[in-house]
Amino acid sequence: METDPDRDAQPEPEERPIFPHPQWSIGVVLIFAVVAILAGLRNPVWWLIGSPCILVLLVWIYVRIKVS
């Protein structure tokens, strides 16, 4: 009796992200980035304070443009 190799094959587990986070957290960071950019128009120190969020926004936009 032959066995079906496809039936016995186990699916490969997906790689876990290095830093697991809830899906909504990126949305919050993107909102903070937009707020920091708008606040930076009046007081440029907000660009410095919001720079990590602004960097995430720029990477997010870059990935969206490259993927689509």
PDB file of N, CA and C in Angstrom:
ATOM      1  N   MET A   1       0.840  -1.173   0.000  1.00  0.00           N
ATOM      2  CA  MET A   1       0.000   0.000   0.000  1.00  0.00           C
ATOM      3  C   MET A   1       0.894   1.248   0.000  1.00  0.00           C
ATOM      4  N   GLU A   2       0.622   2.151  -0.929  1.00  0.00           N
ATOM      5  CA  GLU A   2       1.429   3.353  -1.059  1.00  0.00           C
ATOM      6  C   GLU A   2       0.860   4.476  -0.184  1.00  0.00           C
ATOM      7  N   THR A   3       1.768   5.289   0.312  1.00  0.00           N
ATOM      8  CA  THR A   3       1.317   6.443   1.092  1.00  0.00           C
ATOM      9  C   THR A   3       1.440   7.694   0.231  1.00  0.00           C
ATOM     10  N   ASP A   4       0.533   8.601   0.450  1.00  0.00           N
ATOM     11  CA  ASP A   4       0.520   9.860  -0.292  1.00  0.00           C
ATOM     12  C   ASP A   4       1.480  10.837   0.383  1.00  0.00           C
ATOM     13  N   PRO A   5       2.561  11.250  -0.299  1.00  0.00           N
ATOM     14  CA  PRO A   5       3.534  12.143   0.347  1.00  0.00           C
ATOM     15  C   PRO A   5       2.936  13.513   0.669  1.00  0.00           C
ATOM     16  N   ASP A   6       1.949  13.955  -0.117  1.00  0.00           N
ATOM     17  CA  ASP A   6       1.332  15.255   0.165  1.00  0.00           C
ATOM     18  C   ASP A   6       0.497  15.209   1.441  1.00  0.00           C
ATOM     19  N   ARG A   7      -0.110  14.083   1.703  1.00  0.00           N
ATOM     20  CA  ARG A   7      -0.949  13.967   2.892  1.00  0.00           C
ATOM     21  C   ARG A   7      -0.107  13.917   4.160  1.00  0.00           C
ATOM     22  N   ASP A   8       1.061  13.290   4.074  1.00  0.00           N
ATOM     23  CA  ASP A   8       1.908  13.145   5.252  1.00  0.00           C
ATOM     24  C   ASP A   8       2.759  14.385   5.521  1.00  0.00           C
ATOM     25  N   ALA A   9       2.880  15.253   4.540  1.00  0.00           N
ATOM     26  CA  ALA A   9       3.732  16.435   4.713  1.00  0.00           C
ATOM     27  C   ALA A   9       3.086  17.408   5.696  1.00  0.00           C
ATOM     28  N   GLN A  10       3.871  17.853   6.630  1.00  0.00           N
ATOM     29  CA  GLN A  10       3.403  18.837   7.597  1.00  0.00           C
ATOM     30  C   GLN A  10       3.625  20.231   7.018  1.00  0.00           C
ATOM     31  N   PRO A  11       2.662  21.128   7.202  1.00  0.00           N
ATOM     32  CA  PRO A  11       2.885  22.494   6.708  1.00  0.00           C
ATOM     33  C   PRO A  11       4.002  23.155   7.504  1.00  0.00           C
ATOM     34  N   GLU A  12       4.806  23.948   6.801  1.00  0.00           N
ATOM     35  CA  GLU A  12       5.897  24.637   7.475  1.00  0.00           C
ATOM     36  C   GLU A  12       5.324  25.752   8.338  1.00  0.00           C
ATOM     37  N   PRO A  13       5.786  25.848   9.563  1.00  0.00           N
ATOM     38  CA  PRO A  13       5.267  26.928  10.412  1.00  0.00           C
ATOM     39  C   PRO A  13       5.761  28.279   9.908  1.00  0.00           C
ATOM     40  N   GLU A  14       4.883  29.288  10.041  1.00  0.00           N
ATOM     41  CA  GLU A  14       5.280  30.627   9.628  1.00  0.00           C
ATOM     42  C   GLU A  14       6.295  31.175  10.618  1.00  0.00           C
ATOM     43  N   GLU A  15       7.209  31.986  10.101  1.00  0.00           N
ATOM     44  CA  GLU A  15       8.189  32.593  10.991  1.00  0.00           C
ATOM     45  C   GLU A  15       7.493  33.644  11.838  1.00  0.00           C
ATOM     46  N   ARG A  16       7.812  33.637  13.100  1.00  0.00           N
ATOM     47  CA  ARG A  16       7.235  34.631  13.998  1.00  0.00           C
ATOM     48  C   ARG A  16       7.995  35.939  13.837  1.00  0.00           C
ATOM     49  N   PRO A  17       7.293  37.065  13.931  1.00  0.00           N
ATOM     50  CA  PRO A  17       8.008  38.335  13.836  1.00  0.00           C
ATOM     51  C   PRO A  17       8.973  38.504  15.005  1.00  0.00           C
ATOM     52  N   ILE A  18      10.021  39.257  14.775  1.00  0.00           N
ATOM     53  CA  ILE A  18      11.014  39.463  15.818  1.00  0.00           C
ATOM     54  C   ILE A  18      10.400  40.216  16.996  1.00  0.00           C
ATOM     55  N   PHE A  19       9.629  41.237  16.673  1.00  0.00           N
ATOM     56  CA  PHE A  19       8.960  42.020  17.708  1.00  0.00           C
ATOM     57  C   PHE A  19       7.455  41.934  17.493  1.00  0.00           C
ATOM     58  N   PRO A  20       6.800  40.951  18.084  1.00  0.00           N
ATOM     59  CA  PRO A  20       5.353  40.826  17.868  1.00  0.00           C
ATOM     60  C   PRO A  20       4.618  42.018  18.476  1.00  0.00           C
ATOM     61  N   HIS A  21       3.644  42.510  17.767  1.00  0.00           N
ATOM     62  CA  HIS A  21       2.868  43.654  18.224  1.00  0.00           C
ATOM     63  C   HIS A  21       1.450  43.518  17.685  1.00  0.00           C
ATOM     64  N   PRO A  22       0.497  44.149  18.358  1.00  0.00           N
ATOM     65  CA  PRO A  22      -0.877  44.111  17.833  1.00  0.00           C
ATOM     66  C   PRO A  22      -0.961  44.883  16.511  1.00  0.00           C
ATOM     67  N   GLN A  23      -1.862  44.481  15.645  1.00  0.00           N
ATOM     68  CA  GLN A  23      -1.985  45.101  14.329  1.00  0.00           C
ATOM     69  C   GLN A  23      -2.351  46.580  14.417  1.00  0.00           C
ATOM     70  N   TRP A  24      -3.147  46.968  15.405  1.00  0.00           N
ATOM     71  CA  TRP A  24      -3.590  48.359  15.514  1.00  0.00           C
ATOM     72  C   TRP A  24      -2.475  49.301  15.940  1.00  0.00           C
ATOM     73  N   SER A  25      -1.378  48.775  16.491  1.00  0.00           N
ATOM     74  CA  SER A  25      -0.323  49.651  17.000  1.00  0.00           C
ATOM     75  C   SER A  25       0.369  50.431  15.879  1.00  0.00           C
ATOM     76  N   ILE A  26       0.492  49.854  14.697  1.00  0.00           N
ATOM     77  CA  ILE A  26       1.085  50.585  13.570  1.00  0.00           C
ATOM     78  C   ILE A  26       0.188  51.755  13.187  1.00  0.00           C
ATOM     79  N   GLY A  27      -1.121  51.546  13.204  1.00  0.00           N
ATOM     80  CA  GLY A  27      -2.051  52.634  12.906  1.00  0.00           C
ATOM     81  C   GLY A  27      -1.911  53.786  13.880  1.00  0.00           C
ATOM     82  N   VAL A  28      -1.728  53.478  15.148  1.00  0.00           N
ATOM     83  CA  VAL A  28      -1.549  54.520  16.153  1.00  0.00           C
ATOM     84  C   VAL A  28      -0.258  55.295  15.891  1.00  0.00           C
ATOM     85  N   VAL A  29       0.804  54.594  15.556  1.00  0.00           N
ATOM     86  CA  VAL A  29       2.088  55.247  15.267  1.00  0.00           C
ATOM     87  C   VAL A  29       1.964  56.146  14.039  1.00  0.00           C
ATOM     88  N   LEU A  30       1.228  55.685  13.019  1.00  0.00           N
ATOM     89  CA  LEU A  30       1.048  56.498  11.819  1.00  0.00           C
ATOM     90  C   LEU A  30       0.248  57.761  12.125  1.00  0.00           C
ATOM     91  N   ILE A  31      -0.760  57.651  12.976  1.00  0.00           N
ATOM     92  CA  ILE A  31      -1.534  58.825  13.387  1.00  0.00           C
ATOM     93  C   ILE A  31      -0.653  59.796  14.159  1.00  0.00           C
ATOM     94  N   PHE A  32       0.163  59.285  15.078  1.00  0.00           N
ATOM     95  CA  PHE A  32       1.094  60.149  15.809  1.00  0.00           C
ATOM     96  C   PHE A  32       2.061  60.849  14.852  1.00  0.00           C
ATOM     97  N   ALA A  33       2.474  60.168  13.792  1.00  0.00           N
ATOM     98  CA  ALA A  33       3.394  60.772  12.828  1.00  0.00           C
ATOM     99  C   ALA A  33       2.741  61.945  12.118  1.00  0.00           C
ATOM    100  N   VAL A  34       1.504  61.764  11.696  1.00  0.00           N
ATOM    101  CA  VAL A  34       0.800  62.859  11.011  1.00  0.00           C
ATOM    102  C   VAL A  34       0.604  64.032  11.957  1.00  0.00           C
ATOM    103  N   VAL A  35       0.244  63.764  13.206  1.00  0.00           N
ATOM    104  CA  VAL A  35       0.077  64.828  14.192  1.00  0.00           C
ATOM    105  C   VAL A  35       1.407  65.540  14.434  1.00  0.00           C
ATOM    106  N   ALA A  36       2.503  64.804  14.513  1.00  0.00           N
ATOM    107  CA  ALA A  36       3.819  65.415  14.731  1.00  0.00           C
ATOM    108  C   ALA A  36       4.221  66.282  13.544  1.00  0.00           C
ATOM    109  N   ILE A  37       3.916  65.839  12.336  1.00  0.00           N
ATOM    110  CA  ILE A  37       4.238  66.644  11.152  1.00  0.00           C
ATOM    111  C   ILE A  37       3.434  67.941  11.161  1.00  0.00           C
ATOM    112  N   LEU A  38       2.141  67.838  11.451  1.00  0.00           N
ATOM    113  CA  LEU A  38       1.297  69.038  11.483  1.00  0.00           C
ATOM    114  C   LEU A  38       1.701  69.975  12.614  1.00  0.00           C
ATOM    115  N   ALA A  39       2.005  69.438  13.782  1.00  0.00           N
ATOM    116  CA  ALA A  39       2.446  70.280  14.898  1.00  0.00           C
ATOM    117  C   ALA A  39       3.809  70.885  14.600  1.00  0.00           C
ATOM    118  N   GLY A  40       4.638  70.196  13.844  1.00  0.00           N
ATOM    119  CA  GLY A  40       5.955  70.700  13.491  1.00  0.00           C
ATOM    120  C   GLY A  40       5.915  71.896  12.566  1.00  0.00           C
ATOM    121  N   LEU A  41       4.793  72.123  11.909  1.00  0.00           N
ATOM    122  CA  LEU A  41       4.664  73.306  11.072  1.00  0.00           C
ATOM    123  C   LEU A  41       4.642  74.582  11.924  1.00  0.00           C
ATOM    124  N   ARG A  42       4.152  74.481  13.155  1.00  0.00           N
ATOM    125  CA  ARG A  42       4.129  75.638  14.054  1.00  0.00           C
ATOM    126  C   ARG A  42       5.374  75.694  14.933  1.00  0.00           C
ATOM    127  N   ASN A  43       5.814  74.528  15.410  1.00  0.00           N
ATOM    128  CA  ASN A  43       6.965  74.476  16.302  1.00  0.00           C
ATOM    129  C   ASN A  43       7.838  73.292  15.869  1.00  0.00           C
ATOM    130  N   PRO A  44       8.964  73.547  15.231  1.00  0.00           N
ATOM    131  CA  PRO A  44       9.781  72.472  14.656  1.00  0.00           C
ATOM    132  C   PRO A  44      10.299  71.436  15.659  1.00  0.00           C
ATOM    133  N   VAL A  45      10.239  71.722  16.947  1.00  0.00           N
ATOM    134  CA  VAL A  45      10.698  70.727  17.919  1.00  0.00           C
ATOM    135  C   VAL A  45       9.847  69.457  17.847  1.00  0.00           C
ATOM    136  N   TRP A  46       8.618  69.569  17.364  1.00  0.00           N
ATOM    137  CA  TRP A  46       7.752  68.391  17.242  1.00  0.00           C
ATOM    138  C   TRP A  46       8.248  67.433  16.163  1.00  0.00           C
ATOM    139  N   TRP A  47       8.993  67.955  15.189  1.00  0.00           N
ATOM    140  CA  TRP A  47       9.583  67.046  14.200  1.00  0.00           C
ATOM    141  C   TRP A  47      10.647  66.187  14.871  1.00  0.00           C
ATOM    142  N   LEU A  48      11.363  66.756  15.818  1.00  0.00           N
ATOM    143  CA  LEU A  48      12.369  65.990  16.553  1.00  0.00           C
ATOM    144  C   LEU A  48      11.705  64.986  17.495  1.00  0.00           C
ATOM    145  N   ILE A  49      10.688  65.446  18.206  1.00  0.00           N
ATOM    146  CA  ILE A  49       9.979  64.558  19.142  1.00  0.00           C
ATOM    147  C   ILE A  49       9.288  63.422  18.387  1.00  0.00           C
ATOM    148  N   GLY A  50       8.689  63.735  17.252  1.00  0.00           N
ATOM    149  CA  GLY A  50       7.944  62.722  16.496  1.00  0.00           C
ATOM    150  C   GLY A  50       8.761  61.993  15.457  1.00  0.00           C
ATOM    151  N   SER A  51      10.068  62.201  15.442  1.00  0.00           N
ATOM    152  CA  SER A  51      10.888  61.604  14.391  1.00  0.00           C
ATOM    153  C   SER A  51      10.804  60.075  14.304  1.00  0.00           C
ATOM    154  N   PRO A  52      10.731  59.333  15.415  1.00  0.00           N
ATOM    155  CA  PRO A  52      10.574  57.874  15.249  1.00  0.00           C
ATOM    156  C   PRO A  52       9.270  57.503  14.532  1.00  0.00           C
ATOM    157  N   CYS A  53       8.198  58.199  14.882  1.00  0.00           N
ATOM    158  CA  CYS A  53       6.918  57.918  14.232  1.00  0.00           C
ATOM    159  C   CYS A  53       6.939  58.363  12.779  1.00  0.00           C
ATOM    160  N   ILE A  54       7.577  59.500  12.498  1.00  0.00           N
ATOM    161  CA  ILE A  54       7.682  59.994  11.131  1.00  0.00           C
ATOM    162  C   ILE A  54       8.514  59.028  10.288  1.00  0.00           C
ATOM    163  N   LEU A  55       9.559  58.471  10.865  1.00  0.00           N
ATOM    164  CA  LEU A  55      10.372  57.487  10.150  1.00  0.00           C
ATOM    165  C   LEU A  55       9.548  56.246   9.806  1.00  0.00           C
ATOM    166  N   VAL A  56       8.727  55.786  10.742  1.00  0.00           N
ATOM    167  CA  VAL A  56       7.851  54.636  10.474  1.00  0.00           C
ATOM    168  C   VAL A  56       6.879  54.980   9.356  1.00  0.00           C
ATOM    169  N   LEU A  57       6.349  56.194   9.360  1.00  0.00           N
ATOM    170  CA  LEU A  57       5.432  56.622   8.302  1.00  0.00           C
ATOM    171  C   LEU A  57       6.125  56.611   6.944  1.00  0.00           C
ATOM    172  N   LEU A  58       7.346  57.104   6.879  1.00  0.00           N
ATOM    173  CA  LEU A  58       8.072  57.119   5.609  1.00  0.00           C
ATOM    174  C   LEU A  58       8.366  55.706   5.099  1.00  0.00           C
ATOM    175  N   VAL A  59       8.755  54.815   6.006  1.00  0.00           N
ATOM    176  CA  VAL A  59       8.996  53.416   5.612  1.00  0.00           C
ATOM    177  C   VAL A  59       7.698  52.764   5.152  1.00  0.00           C
ATOM    178  N   TRP A  60       6.603  53.037   5.860  1.00  0.00           N
ATOM    179  CA  TRP A  60       5.296  52.473   5.504  1.00  0.00           C
ATOM    180  C   TRP A  60       4.879  52.933   4.114  1.00  0.00           C
ATOM    181  N   ILE A  61       5.043  54.237   3.831  1.00  0.00           N
ATOM    182  CA  ILE A  61       4.702  54.766   2.507  1.00  0.00           C
ATOM    183  C   ILE A  61       5.590  54.143   1.435  1.00  0.00           C
ATOM    184  N   TYR A  62       6.895  54.028   1.703  1.00  0.00           N
ATOM    185  CA  TYR A  62       7.835  53.424   0.747  1.00  0.00           C
ATOM    186  C   TYR A  62       7.428  51.986   0.422  1.00  0.00           C
ATOM    187  N   VAL A  63       7.106  51.218   1.442  1.00  0.00           N
ATOM    188  CA  VAL A  63       6.716  49.814   1.224  1.00  0.00           C
ATOM    189  C   VAL A  63       5.419  49.733   0.433  1.00  0.00           C
ATOM    190  N   ARG A  64       4.467  50.596   0.742  1.00  0.00           N
ATOM    191  CA  ARG A  64       3.192  50.581   0.009  1.00  0.00           C
ATOM    192  C   ARG A  64       3.390  50.912  -1.461  1.00  0.00           C
ATOM    193  N   ILE A  65       4.291  51.844  -1.758  1.00  0.00           N
ATOM    194  CA  ILE A  65       4.537  52.216  -3.152  1.00  0.00           C
ATOM    195  C   ILE A  65       5.288  51.105  -3.879  1.00  0.00           C
ATOM    196  N   LYS A  66       6.292  50.498  -3.229  1.00  0.00           N
ATOM    197  CA  LYS A  66       7.094  49.454  -3.881  1.00  0.00           C
ATOM    198  C   LYS A  66       6.298  48.174  -4.101  1.00  0.00           C
ATOM    199  N   VAL A  67       5.409  47.818  -3.175  1.00  0.00           N
ATOM    200  CA  VAL A  67       4.673  46.565  -3.279  1.00  0.00           C
ATOM    201  C   VAL A  67       3.582  46.660  -4.334  1.00  0.00           C
ATOM    202  N   SER A  68       2.926  47.815  -4.417  1.00  0.00           N
ATOM    203  CA  SER A  68       1.816  47.924  -5.385  1.00  0.00           C
ATOM    204  C   SER A  68       2.251  48.397  -6.729  1.00  0.00           C
TER     205      SER A  68
END
